[in-house]
Amino acid sequence: MERIILASASPRRKELLSQVGMEYEIIISNIEEKVTSSIPEDVVEELSRQKAEDVFGKIPGDVIVIGADTVVSVDGKILGKPADEKEAFCMIQSLSGRCHSVFTGVTLCIRKDGQEEKITFSEETKVFVDEMTQEDIEHYIATGESMDKAGAYGIQGKFAAFVNGIEGDYNNVVGLPVGRICRELRKLNRRKM
């Protein structure tokens, strides 16, 4: 089996890869993220590619590098990580009682026997959120969970109490569509590059 490297410090991504039994190392990309698009799918694919290529270029030999990026989008607008509690409040308020999309882009940079290949894709999952009162939002923000997450929430935490449903891959919302990654790796193994 090839050496697999996750180009991310995300504890959620690490947990998801471990859940499926994947053996991997972590080498964090230290690129300055640059985007040339405002379309959510393009943004996550571009950022995942930058992260994967940065780490891939530093590693010799046979290797698979996984780069990923996730954004929350409502009405085509990307919601990043909030700068402060006021911004977190506004983000969550914009999601309240509505459906929004979570996009995760993944790039697999592969080198085997001197041959290189790159696979990039994005997955969209729709998330339906119950109506939230001002008090609900303030209480959630007080937990501190909102401050390090795109869109100011984490579906796997206390915010789950307000999720009415999802359409698509739950793991994608957590931060990594591991099922799709595993399918791509199985296809690669069958092709043997």
N, C-alpha and C. Protein backbone atom coordinates (compact mmCIF):
# COMPACT_ATOMS: atom_id res chain seq x y z
N MET A 1 0.83 -1.19 0.00
CA MET A 1 0.00 0.00 0.00
C MET A 1 0.87 1.25 0.00
N GLU A 2 0.46 2.23 -0.76
CA GLU A 2 1.19 3.49 -0.83
C GLU A 2 1.10 4.26 0.48
N ARG A 3 2.07 5.09 0.66
CA ARG A 3 2.07 6.01 1.79
C ARG A 3 0.97 7.04 1.53
N ILE A 4 0.08 7.25 2.50
CA ILE A 4 -1.00 8.20 2.38
C ILE A 4 -0.75 9.35 3.35
N ILE A 5 -0.88 10.58 2.82
CA ILE A 5 -0.64 11.75 3.64
C ILE A 5 -1.85 12.67 3.55
N LEU A 6 -2.34 13.09 4.70
CA LEU A 6 -3.41 14.07 4.79
C LEU A 6 -2.77 15.44 4.96
N ALA A 7 -3.06 16.35 4.02
CA ALA A 7 -2.49 17.70 4.06
C ALA A 7 -3.42 18.64 4.83
N SER A 8 -3.75 18.27 6.06
CA SER A 8 -4.70 19.05 6.86
C SER A 8 -4.46 18.82 8.34
N ALA A 9 -4.70 19.85 9.12
CA ALA A 9 -4.61 19.74 10.57
C ALA A 9 -5.99 19.52 11.20
N SER A 10 -7.03 19.44 10.38
CA SER A 10 -8.39 19.33 10.89
C SER A 10 -8.60 18.06 11.72
N PRO A 11 -8.98 18.21 12.98
CA PRO A 11 -9.24 17.02 13.79
C PRO A 11 -10.43 16.22 13.25
N ARG A 12 -11.38 16.89 12.62
CA ARG A 12 -12.55 16.19 12.06
C ARG A 12 -12.14 15.33 10.88
N ARG A 13 -11.28 15.83 10.02
CA ARG A 13 -10.82 15.04 8.87
C ARG A 13 -9.99 13.84 9.34
N LYS A 14 -9.15 14.06 10.35
CA LYS A 14 -8.35 12.96 10.90
C LYS A 14 -9.27 11.87 11.45
N GLU A 15 -10.29 12.28 12.18
CA GLU A 15 -11.24 11.33 12.77
C GLU A 15 -11.95 10.52 11.69
N LEU A 16 -12.38 11.18 10.61
CA LEU A 16 -13.10 10.48 9.55
C LEU A 16 -12.22 9.47 8.83
N LEU A 17 -10.96 9.81 8.55
CA LEU A 17 -10.06 8.84 7.92
C LEU A 17 -9.78 7.66 8.84
N SER A 18 -9.64 7.94 10.13
CA SER A 18 -9.40 6.87 11.10
C SER A 18 -10.62 5.95 11.22
N GLN A 19 -11.83 6.53 11.13
CA GLN A 19 -13.06 5.74 11.23
C GLN A 19 -13.13 4.67 10.15
N VAL A 20 -12.64 4.97 8.95
CA VAL A 20 -12.71 3.99 7.86
C VAL A 20 -11.47 3.10 7.84
N GLY A 21 -10.62 3.23 8.83
CA GLY A 21 -9.47 2.34 8.97
C GLY A 21 -8.29 2.70 8.08
N MET A 22 -8.26 3.89 7.56
CA MET A 22 -7.17 4.30 6.68
C MET A 22 -5.94 4.64 7.52
N GLU A 23 -4.81 4.10 7.10
CA GLU A 23 -3.55 4.45 7.75
C GLU A 23 -2.94 5.61 6.99
N TYR A 24 -2.59 6.67 7.70
CA TYR A 24 -2.12 7.88 7.05
C TYR A 24 -1.20 8.65 7.99
N GLU A 25 -0.48 9.58 7.39
CA GLU A 25 0.34 10.52 8.14
C GLU A 25 -0.24 11.92 7.91
N ILE A 26 0.19 12.85 8.70
CA ILE A 26 -0.26 14.24 8.52
C ILE A 26 0.97 15.11 8.24
N ILE A 27 0.88 15.83 7.14
CA ILE A 27 1.85 16.88 6.85
C ILE A 27 1.00 18.07 6.43
N ILE A 28 1.06 19.10 7.23
CA ILE A 28 0.18 20.25 7.03
C ILE A 28 0.73 21.17 5.94
N SER A 29 -0.12 21.53 5.03
CA SER A 29 0.23 22.49 4.00
C SER A 29 0.34 23.87 4.64
N ASN A 30 1.35 24.62 4.23
CA ASN A 30 1.50 25.97 4.78
C ASN A 30 1.43 27.03 3.69
N ILE A 31 0.62 26.78 2.68
CA ILE A 31 0.46 27.74 1.59
C ILE A 31 -0.39 28.92 2.03
N GLU A 32 -0.22 30.01 1.33
CA GLU A 32 -1.13 31.14 1.50
C GLU A 32 -2.27 30.89 0.51
N GLU A 33 -3.46 30.66 1.04
CA GLU A 33 -4.59 30.31 0.19
C GLU A 33 -4.98 31.47 -0.71
N LYS A 34 -5.13 31.17 -2.00
CA LYS A 34 -5.53 32.17 -2.98
C LYS A 34 -6.66 31.60 -3.82
N VAL A 35 -7.74 32.37 -3.95
CA VAL A 35 -8.86 31.91 -4.77
C VAL A 35 -9.10 32.89 -5.91
N THR A 36 -9.50 32.33 -7.04
CA THR A 36 -9.75 33.16 -8.21
C THR A 36 -11.22 33.14 -8.61
N SER A 37 -12.04 32.45 -7.80
CA SER A 37 -13.46 32.31 -8.11
C SER A 37 -14.27 32.59 -6.86
N SER A 38 -15.54 32.88 -7.04
CA SER A 38 -16.44 33.01 -5.90
C SER A 38 -17.51 31.92 -5.92
N ILE A 39 -17.41 31.00 -6.87
CA ILE A 39 -18.34 29.88 -6.98
C ILE A 39 -17.89 28.81 -5.98
N PRO A 40 -18.76 28.42 -5.04
CA PRO A 40 -18.33 27.51 -3.96
C PRO A 40 -17.60 26.25 -4.43
N GLU A 41 -18.11 25.57 -5.45
CA GLU A 41 -17.46 24.34 -5.93
C GLU A 41 -16.06 24.63 -6.44
N ASP A 42 -15.91 25.73 -7.16
CA ASP A 42 -14.59 26.09 -7.70
C ASP A 42 -13.63 26.46 -6.58
N VAL A 43 -14.12 27.18 -5.58
CA VAL A 43 -13.27 27.61 -4.47
C VAL A 43 -12.71 26.41 -3.73
N VAL A 44 -13.57 25.44 -3.36
CA VAL A 44 -13.07 24.30 -2.58
C VAL A 44 -12.15 23.41 -3.40
N GLU A 45 -12.44 23.28 -4.70
CA GLU A 45 -11.54 22.48 -5.54
C GLU A 45 -10.18 23.16 -5.68
N GLU A 46 -10.19 24.47 -5.89
CA GLU A 46 -8.94 25.22 -6.02
C GLU A 46 -8.10 25.14 -4.74
N LEU A 47 -8.74 25.34 -3.58
CA LEU A 47 -8.00 25.30 -2.32
C LEU A 47 -7.51 23.89 -2.00
N SER A 48 -8.31 22.88 -2.28
CA SER A 48 -7.86 21.50 -2.02
C SER A 48 -6.66 21.17 -2.89
N ARG A 49 -6.69 21.64 -4.14
CA ARG A 49 -5.59 21.38 -5.07
C ARG A 49 -4.31 22.07 -4.59
N GLN A 50 -4.43 23.33 -4.15
CA GLN A 50 -3.26 24.06 -3.66
C GLN A 50 -2.62 23.33 -2.47
N LYS A 51 -3.44 22.89 -1.54
CA LYS A 51 -2.93 22.22 -0.34
C LYS A 51 -2.26 20.89 -0.70
N ALA A 52 -2.92 20.10 -1.54
CA ALA A 52 -2.37 18.79 -1.92
C ALA A 52 -1.07 18.96 -2.70
N GLU A 53 -1.04 19.88 -3.66
CA GLU A 53 0.16 20.07 -4.47
C GLU A 53 1.33 20.58 -3.64
N ASP A 54 1.05 21.42 -2.65
CA ASP A 54 2.11 21.93 -1.78
C ASP A 54 2.82 20.79 -1.06
N VAL A 55 2.06 19.91 -0.46
CA VAL A 55 2.65 18.79 0.28
C VAL A 55 3.24 17.77 -0.68
N PHE A 56 2.55 17.48 -1.77
CA PHE A 56 3.00 16.50 -2.77
C PHE A 56 4.39 16.86 -3.30
N GLY A 57 4.62 18.14 -3.54
CA GLY A 57 5.91 18.59 -4.07
C GLY A 57 7.06 18.41 -3.10
N LYS A 58 6.78 18.17 -1.85
CA LYS A 58 7.82 18.03 -0.82
C LYS A 58 8.14 16.57 -0.50
N ILE A 59 7.34 15.64 -1.03
CA ILE A 59 7.47 14.24 -0.65
C ILE A 59 7.99 13.42 -1.83
N PRO A 60 9.11 12.74 -1.66
CA PRO A 60 9.61 11.89 -2.74
C PRO A 60 8.95 10.50 -2.71
N GLY A 61 9.09 9.78 -3.79
CA GLY A 61 8.65 8.39 -3.84
C GLY A 61 7.15 8.22 -4.04
N ASP A 62 6.73 6.97 -3.94
CA ASP A 62 5.32 6.63 -4.11
C ASP A 62 4.51 7.18 -2.95
N VAL A 63 3.45 7.91 -3.27
CA VAL A 63 2.68 8.58 -2.23
C VAL A 63 1.30 8.97 -2.78
N ILE A 64 0.35 9.07 -1.87
CA ILE A 64 -0.95 9.65 -2.16
C ILE A 64 -1.15 10.77 -1.15
N VAL A 65 -1.36 11.99 -1.64
CA VAL A 65 -1.61 13.13 -0.77
C VAL A 65 -3.06 13.54 -0.93
N ILE A 66 -3.74 13.71 0.20
CA ILE A 66 -5.13 14.14 0.21
C ILE A 66 -5.19 15.58 0.70
N GLY A 67 -5.66 16.47 -0.17
CA GLY A 67 -5.90 17.86 0.20
C GLY A 67 -7.40 18.09 0.21
N ALA A 68 -7.89 18.89 1.14
CA ALA A 68 -9.34 19.13 1.23
C ALA A 68 -9.63 20.53 1.75
N ASP A 69 -10.80 21.03 1.37
CA ASP A 69 -11.28 22.30 1.89
C ASP A 69 -12.80 22.26 1.89
N THR A 70 -13.42 22.88 2.89
CA THR A 70 -14.87 22.87 3.03
C THR A 70 -15.38 24.29 3.22
N VAL A 71 -16.50 24.61 2.55
CA VAL A 71 -17.16 25.89 2.76
C VAL A 71 -18.66 25.66 2.93
N VAL A 72 -19.28 26.60 3.61
CA VAL A 72 -20.73 26.65 3.77
C VAL A 72 -21.21 27.77 2.85
N SER A 73 -22.31 27.51 2.14
CA SER A 73 -22.82 28.50 1.20
C SER A 73 -24.33 28.64 1.35
N VAL A 74 -24.77 29.88 1.42
CA VAL A 74 -26.21 30.16 1.45
C VAL A 74 -26.48 31.22 0.39
N ASP A 75 -27.43 30.93 -0.46
CA ASP A 75 -27.76 31.83 -1.58
C ASP A 75 -26.54 32.17 -2.42
N GLY A 76 -25.63 31.21 -2.60
CA GLY A 76 -24.43 31.43 -3.41
C GLY A 76 -23.32 32.17 -2.71
N LYS A 77 -23.57 32.64 -1.48
CA LYS A 77 -22.55 33.38 -0.72
C LYS A 77 -21.81 32.40 0.20
N ILE A 78 -20.48 32.47 0.16
CA ILE A 78 -19.66 31.60 1.00
C ILE A 78 -19.53 32.18 2.40
N LEU A 79 -19.80 31.34 3.40
CA LEU A 79 -19.63 31.74 4.80
C LEU A 79 -18.37 31.06 5.33
N GLY A 80 -17.37 31.83 5.62
CA GLY A 80 -16.13 31.28 6.16
C GLY A 80 -16.22 31.12 7.67
N LYS A 81 -15.07 31.12 8.31
CA LYS A 81 -15.05 31.08 9.76
C LYS A 81 -15.32 32.50 10.27
N PRO A 82 -16.17 32.63 11.28
CA PRO A 82 -16.49 33.97 11.77
C PRO A 82 -15.30 34.63 12.47
N ALA A 83 -15.20 35.94 12.30
CA ALA A 83 -14.12 36.71 12.94
C ALA A 83 -14.40 36.95 14.42
N ASP A 84 -15.70 37.01 14.77
CA ASP A 84 -16.08 37.28 16.15
C ASP A 84 -17.50 36.77 16.38
N GLU A 85 -17.98 36.93 17.60
CA GLU A 85 -19.32 36.42 17.95
C GLU A 85 -20.43 37.13 17.19
N LYS A 86 -20.24 38.40 16.91
CA LYS A 86 -21.26 39.15 16.15
C LYS A 86 -21.40 38.56 14.74
N GLU A 87 -20.29 38.29 14.11
CA GLU A 87 -20.33 37.69 12.77
C GLU A 87 -20.91 36.28 12.84
N ALA A 88 -20.57 35.51 13.87
CA ALA A 88 -21.12 34.18 14.04
C ALA A 88 -22.64 34.25 14.17
N PHE A 89 -23.13 35.21 14.94
CA PHE A 89 -24.57 35.39 15.11
C PHE A 89 -25.23 35.64 13.75
N CYS A 90 -24.67 36.54 12.97
CA CYS A 90 -25.24 36.87 11.66
C CYS A 90 -25.24 35.66 10.73
N MET A 91 -24.17 34.87 10.77
CA MET A 91 -24.10 33.68 9.93
C MET A 91 -25.19 32.68 10.30
N ILE A 92 -25.29 32.38 11.59
CA ILE A 92 -26.27 31.40 12.03
C ILE A 92 -27.69 31.90 11.77
N GLN A 93 -27.89 33.18 11.97
CA GLN A 93 -29.20 33.77 11.70
C GLN A 93 -29.57 33.60 10.21
N SER A 94 -28.58 33.71 9.32
CA SER A 94 -28.85 33.55 7.89
C SER A 94 -29.16 32.10 7.51
N LEU A 95 -28.79 31.15 8.37
CA LEU A 95 -29.06 29.73 8.12
C LEU A 95 -30.37 29.28 8.76
N SER A 96 -30.84 30.02 9.74
CA SER A 96 -32.02 29.66 10.51
C SER A 96 -33.26 29.51 9.63
N GLY A 97 -33.93 28.35 9.76
CA GLY A 97 -35.18 28.10 9.05
C GLY A 97 -35.02 27.89 7.56
N ARG A 98 -33.80 27.58 7.14
CA ARG A 98 -33.52 27.48 5.70
C ARG A 98 -32.66 26.27 5.37
N CYS A 99 -32.50 26.09 4.10
CA CYS A 99 -31.58 25.08 3.57
C CYS A 99 -30.34 25.81 3.06
N HIS A 100 -29.18 25.24 3.32
CA HIS A 100 -27.94 25.77 2.76
C HIS A 100 -27.10 24.60 2.26
N SER A 101 -26.01 24.90 1.59
CA SER A 101 -25.14 23.86 1.04
C SER A 101 -23.79 23.87 1.71
N VAL A 102 -23.24 22.68 1.87
CA VAL A 102 -21.86 22.51 2.32
C VAL A 102 -21.12 21.85 1.17
N PHE A 103 -20.03 22.48 0.76
CA PHE A 103 -19.21 21.95 -0.33
C PHE A 103 -17.85 21.57 0.23
N THR A 104 -17.39 20.38 -0.11
CA THR A 104 -16.03 19.98 0.22
C THR A 104 -15.33 19.61 -1.07
N GLY A 105 -14.17 20.21 -1.28
CA GLY A 105 -13.34 19.87 -2.42
C GLY A 105 -12.23 18.96 -1.95
N VAL A 106 -11.87 17.99 -2.77
CA VAL A 106 -10.80 17.05 -2.45
C VAL A 106 -9.89 16.91 -3.66
N THR A 107 -8.61 16.92 -3.41
CA THR A 107 -7.63 16.60 -4.44
C THR A 107 -6.75 15.47 -3.95
N LEU A 108 -6.61 14.46 -4.79
CA LEU A 108 -5.71 13.35 -4.54
C LEU A 108 -4.54 13.50 -5.50
N CYS A 109 -3.36 13.72 -4.99
CA CYS A 109 -2.14 13.75 -5.80
C CYS A 109 -1.46 12.41 -5.60
N ILE A 110 -1.25 11.69 -6.69
CA ILE A 110 -0.76 10.32 -6.61
C ILE A 110 0.53 10.18 -7.40
N ARG A 111 1.52 9.52 -6.81
CA ARG A 111 2.74 9.15 -7.51
C ARG A 111 2.99 7.67 -7.24
N LYS A 112 3.10 6.91 -8.33
CA LYS A 112 3.37 5.47 -8.20
C LYS A 112 4.27 5.05 -9.35
N ASP A 113 5.39 4.45 -9.00
CA ASP A 113 6.35 3.97 -9.99
C ASP A 113 6.73 5.06 -10.99
N GLY A 114 6.93 6.28 -10.49
CA GLY A 114 7.35 7.39 -11.33
C GLY A 114 6.24 8.07 -12.11
N GLN A 115 5.04 7.51 -12.10
CA GLN A 115 3.91 8.14 -12.79
C GLN A 115 3.11 8.97 -11.80
N GLU A 116 2.62 10.12 -12.27
CA GLU A 116 1.84 11.00 -11.40
C GLU A 116 0.45 11.21 -11.98
N GLU A 117 -0.50 11.34 -11.07
CA GLU A 117 -1.89 11.59 -11.45
C GLU A 117 -2.52 12.48 -10.39
N LYS A 118 -3.48 13.29 -10.82
CA LYS A 118 -4.19 14.16 -9.90
C LYS A 118 -5.69 13.99 -10.14
N ILE A 119 -6.43 13.80 -9.07
CA ILE A 119 -7.88 13.68 -9.13
C ILE A 119 -8.46 14.77 -8.24
N THR A 120 -9.33 15.61 -8.80
CA THR A 120 -9.97 16.67 -8.02
C THR A 120 -11.47 16.59 -8.22
N PHE A 121 -12.20 16.71 -7.12
CA PHE A 121 -13.67 16.70 -7.19
C PHE A 121 -14.23 17.49 -6.02
N SER A 122 -15.52 17.80 -6.12
CA SER A 122 -16.20 18.44 -4.99
C SER A 122 -17.52 17.72 -4.77
N GLU A 123 -17.96 17.73 -3.53
CA GLU A 123 -19.23 17.13 -3.13
C GLU A 123 -20.08 18.21 -2.49
N GLU A 124 -21.38 18.18 -2.77
CA GLU A 124 -22.32 19.11 -2.15
C GLU A 124 -23.30 18.34 -1.29
N THR A 125 -23.54 18.84 -0.11
CA THR A 125 -24.56 18.28 0.77
C THR A 125 -25.45 19.44 1.21
N LYS A 126 -26.75 19.23 1.15
CA LYS A 126 -27.71 20.25 1.58
C LYS A 126 -28.07 19.99 3.04
N VAL A 127 -28.12 21.06 3.82
CA VAL A 127 -28.43 20.96 5.25
C VAL A 127 -29.65 21.84 5.52
N PHE A 128 -30.65 21.25 6.18
CA PHE A 128 -31.88 21.96 6.53
C PHE A 128 -31.83 22.28 8.02
N VAL A 129 -32.01 23.56 8.34
CA VAL A 129 -31.89 24.03 9.73
C VAL A 129 -33.26 24.52 10.21
N ASP A 130 -33.63 24.12 11.43
CA ASP A 130 -34.86 24.60 12.05
C ASP A 130 -34.78 26.11 12.29
N GLU A 131 -35.95 26.72 12.48
CA GLU A 131 -35.99 28.12 12.91
C GLU A 131 -35.29 28.21 14.26
N MET A 132 -34.48 29.23 14.42
CA MET A 132 -33.78 29.45 15.68
C MET A 132 -34.14 30.84 16.20
N THR A 133 -34.43 30.91 17.49
CA THR A 133 -34.70 32.21 18.10
C THR A 133 -33.37 32.91 18.38
N GLN A 134 -33.45 34.17 18.70
CA GLN A 134 -32.24 34.91 19.07
C GLN A 134 -31.57 34.23 20.26
N GLU A 135 -32.39 33.80 21.20
CA GLU A 135 -31.86 33.12 22.39
C GLU A 135 -31.17 31.81 22.02
N ASP A 136 -31.76 31.05 21.10
CA ASP A 136 -31.14 29.80 20.63
C ASP A 136 -29.75 30.09 20.06
N ILE A 137 -29.67 31.10 19.22
CA ILE A 137 -28.40 31.43 18.56
C ILE A 137 -27.38 31.89 19.59
N GLU A 138 -27.78 32.77 20.51
CA GLU A 138 -26.86 33.26 21.53
C GLU A 138 -26.37 32.12 22.42
N HIS A 139 -27.27 31.20 22.78
CA HIS A 139 -26.89 30.06 23.61
C HIS A 139 -25.87 29.18 22.87
N TYR A 140 -26.12 28.95 21.58
CA TYR A 140 -25.18 28.13 20.82
C TYR A 140 -23.82 28.82 20.72
N ILE A 141 -23.79 30.10 20.43
CA ILE A 141 -22.53 30.83 20.32
C ILE A 141 -21.76 30.80 21.64
N ALA A 142 -22.48 30.84 22.75
CA ALA A 142 -21.84 30.80 24.07
C ALA A 142 -21.10 29.49 24.33
N THR A 143 -21.43 28.43 23.59
CA THR A 143 -20.71 27.15 23.75
C THR A 143 -19.28 27.24 23.22
N GLY A 144 -19.01 28.22 22.35
CA GLY A 144 -17.69 28.36 21.76
C GLY A 144 -17.49 27.53 20.50
N GLU A 145 -18.42 26.64 20.21
CA GLU A 145 -18.29 25.76 19.04
C GLU A 145 -18.29 26.53 17.72
N SER A 146 -18.90 27.68 17.69
CA SER A 146 -19.10 28.39 16.43
C SER A 146 -17.84 29.06 15.89
N MET A 147 -16.85 29.24 16.70
CA MET A 147 -15.75 30.14 16.32
C MET A 147 -14.69 29.54 15.40
N ASP A 148 -14.57 28.25 15.29
CA ASP A 148 -13.51 27.72 14.42
C ASP A 148 -14.07 26.92 13.25
N LYS A 149 -15.31 27.23 12.87
CA LYS A 149 -15.95 26.43 11.84
C LYS A 149 -16.54 27.30 10.74
N ALA A 150 -16.42 26.82 9.50
CA ALA A 150 -17.04 27.51 8.38
C ALA A 150 -18.54 27.57 8.62
N GLY A 151 -19.13 28.73 8.38
CA GLY A 151 -20.57 28.89 8.60
C GLY A 151 -20.95 29.01 10.05
N ALA A 152 -19.97 29.00 10.95
CA ALA A 152 -20.16 29.19 12.39
C ALA A 152 -20.88 28.04 13.08
N TYR A 153 -20.83 26.84 12.50
CA TYR A 153 -21.44 25.71 13.21
C TYR A 153 -20.73 24.41 12.84
N GLY A 154 -20.90 23.43 13.71
CA GLY A 154 -20.44 22.07 13.45
C GLY A 154 -21.61 21.13 13.62
N ILE A 155 -21.92 20.37 12.60
CA ILE A 155 -23.09 19.48 12.63
C ILE A 155 -22.93 18.38 13.66
N GLN A 156 -21.69 18.02 13.98
CA GLN A 156 -21.44 16.91 14.90
C GLN A 156 -21.44 17.36 16.37
N GLY A 157 -21.70 18.64 16.61
CA GLY A 157 -21.71 19.16 17.98
C GLY A 157 -23.10 19.53 18.44
N LYS A 158 -23.17 20.53 19.29
CA LYS A 158 -24.44 20.97 19.87
C LYS A 158 -25.41 21.53 18.83
N PHE A 159 -24.89 21.97 17.68
CA PHE A 159 -25.74 22.50 16.63
C PHE A 159 -26.65 21.41 16.04
N ALA A 160 -26.31 20.16 16.24
CA ALA A 160 -27.13 19.05 15.74
C ALA A 160 -28.58 19.15 16.21
N ALA A 161 -28.82 19.80 17.34
CA ALA A 161 -30.18 19.97 17.87
C ALA A 161 -31.05 20.80 16.94
N PHE A 162 -30.43 21.55 16.02
CA PHE A 162 -31.19 22.42 15.12
C PHE A 162 -31.20 21.93 13.67
N VAL A 163 -30.55 20.80 13.42
CA VAL A 163 -30.52 20.26 12.06
C VAL A 163 -31.77 19.43 11.83
N ASN A 164 -32.54 19.84 10.84
CA ASN A 164 -33.80 19.18 10.52
C ASN A 164 -33.60 18.03 9.54
N GLY A 165 -32.50 18.02 8.83
CA GLY A 165 -32.21 16.95 7.88
C GLY A 165 -31.07 17.33 6.97
N ILE A 166 -30.57 16.33 6.28
CA ILE A 166 -29.54 16.58 5.27
C ILE A 166 -29.89 15.79 4.03
N GLU A 167 -29.41 16.29 2.92
CA GLU A 167 -29.55 15.61 1.65
C GLU A 167 -28.15 15.45 1.09
N GLY A 168 -27.64 14.23 1.14
CA GLY A 168 -26.27 13.99 0.69
C GLY A 168 -25.47 13.30 1.78
N ASP A 169 -24.16 13.45 1.70
CA ASP A 169 -23.22 12.75 2.56
C ASP A 169 -22.98 13.52 3.87
N TYR A 170 -23.37 12.93 5.00
CA TYR A 170 -23.16 13.54 6.31
C TYR A 170 -21.68 13.83 6.54
N ASN A 171 -20.81 12.87 6.17
CA ASN A 171 -19.37 13.06 6.40
C ASN A 171 -18.82 14.26 5.64
N ASN A 172 -19.44 14.58 4.52
CA ASN A 172 -19.05 15.76 3.76
C ASN A 172 -19.25 17.02 4.60
N VAL A 173 -20.35 17.07 5.35
CA VAL A 173 -20.63 18.23 6.19
C VAL A 173 -19.62 18.30 7.34
N VAL A 174 -19.21 17.15 7.84
CA VAL A 174 -18.21 17.12 8.91
C VAL A 174 -16.85 17.60 8.37
N GLY A 175 -16.60 17.38 7.06
CA GLY A 175 -15.38 17.93 6.49
C GLY A 175 -14.63 17.07 5.50
N LEU A 176 -15.13 15.85 5.22
CA LEU A 176 -14.41 15.00 4.27
C LEU A 176 -15.32 13.88 3.77
N PRO A 177 -15.60 13.85 2.48
CA PRO A 177 -16.44 12.78 1.93
C PRO A 177 -15.63 11.48 1.79
N VAL A 178 -15.43 10.80 2.92
CA VAL A 178 -14.53 9.64 2.94
C VAL A 178 -15.00 8.50 2.04
N GLY A 179 -16.31 8.34 1.89
CA GLY A 179 -16.81 7.30 1.00
C GLY A 179 -16.33 7.53 -0.43
N ARG A 180 -16.44 8.76 -0.90
CA ARG A 180 -15.99 9.09 -2.26
C ARG A 180 -14.49 8.92 -2.38
N ILE A 181 -13.73 9.32 -1.37
CA ILE A 181 -12.27 9.15 -1.41
C ILE A 181 -11.93 7.67 -1.52
N CYS A 182 -12.58 6.85 -0.72
CA CYS A 182 -12.31 5.40 -0.76
C CYS A 182 -12.66 4.82 -2.12
N ARG A 183 -13.78 5.26 -2.73
CA ARG A 183 -14.14 4.78 -4.07
C ARG A 183 -13.08 5.16 -5.10
N GLU A 184 -12.59 6.40 -5.02
CA GLU A 184 -11.55 6.85 -5.96
C GLU A 184 -10.27 6.04 -5.78
N LEU A 185 -9.90 5.74 -4.53
CA LEU A 185 -8.69 4.95 -4.29
C LEU A 185 -8.87 3.50 -4.77
N ARG A 186 -10.06 2.95 -4.61
CA ARG A 186 -10.30 1.58 -5.12
C ARG A 186 -10.20 1.56 -6.65
N LYS A 187 -10.75 2.59 -7.31
CA LYS A 187 -10.64 2.67 -8.78
C LYS A 187 -9.18 2.73 -9.19
N LEU A 188 -8.40 3.51 -8.46
CA LEU A 188 -6.97 3.64 -8.76
C LEU A 188 -6.26 2.30 -8.64
N ASN A 189 -6.56 1.57 -7.56
CA ASN A 189 -5.94 0.27 -7.34
C ASN A 189 -6.28 -0.73 -8.44
N ARG A 190 -7.53 -0.64 -8.94
CA ARG A 190 -7.92 -1.55 -10.03
C ARG A 190 -7.22 -1.21 -11.32
N ARG A 191 -6.96 0.08 -11.55
CA ARG A 191 -6.28 0.52 -12.77
C ARG A 191 -4.78 0.32 -12.69
N LYS A 192 -4.24 0.35 -11.49
CA LYS A 192 -2.79 0.20 -11.25
C LYS A 192 -1.95 1.24 -11.98
N MET A 193 -2.50 2.39 -12.24
CA MET A 193 -1.83 3.51 -12.94
C MET A 193 -1.05 2.96 -14.09
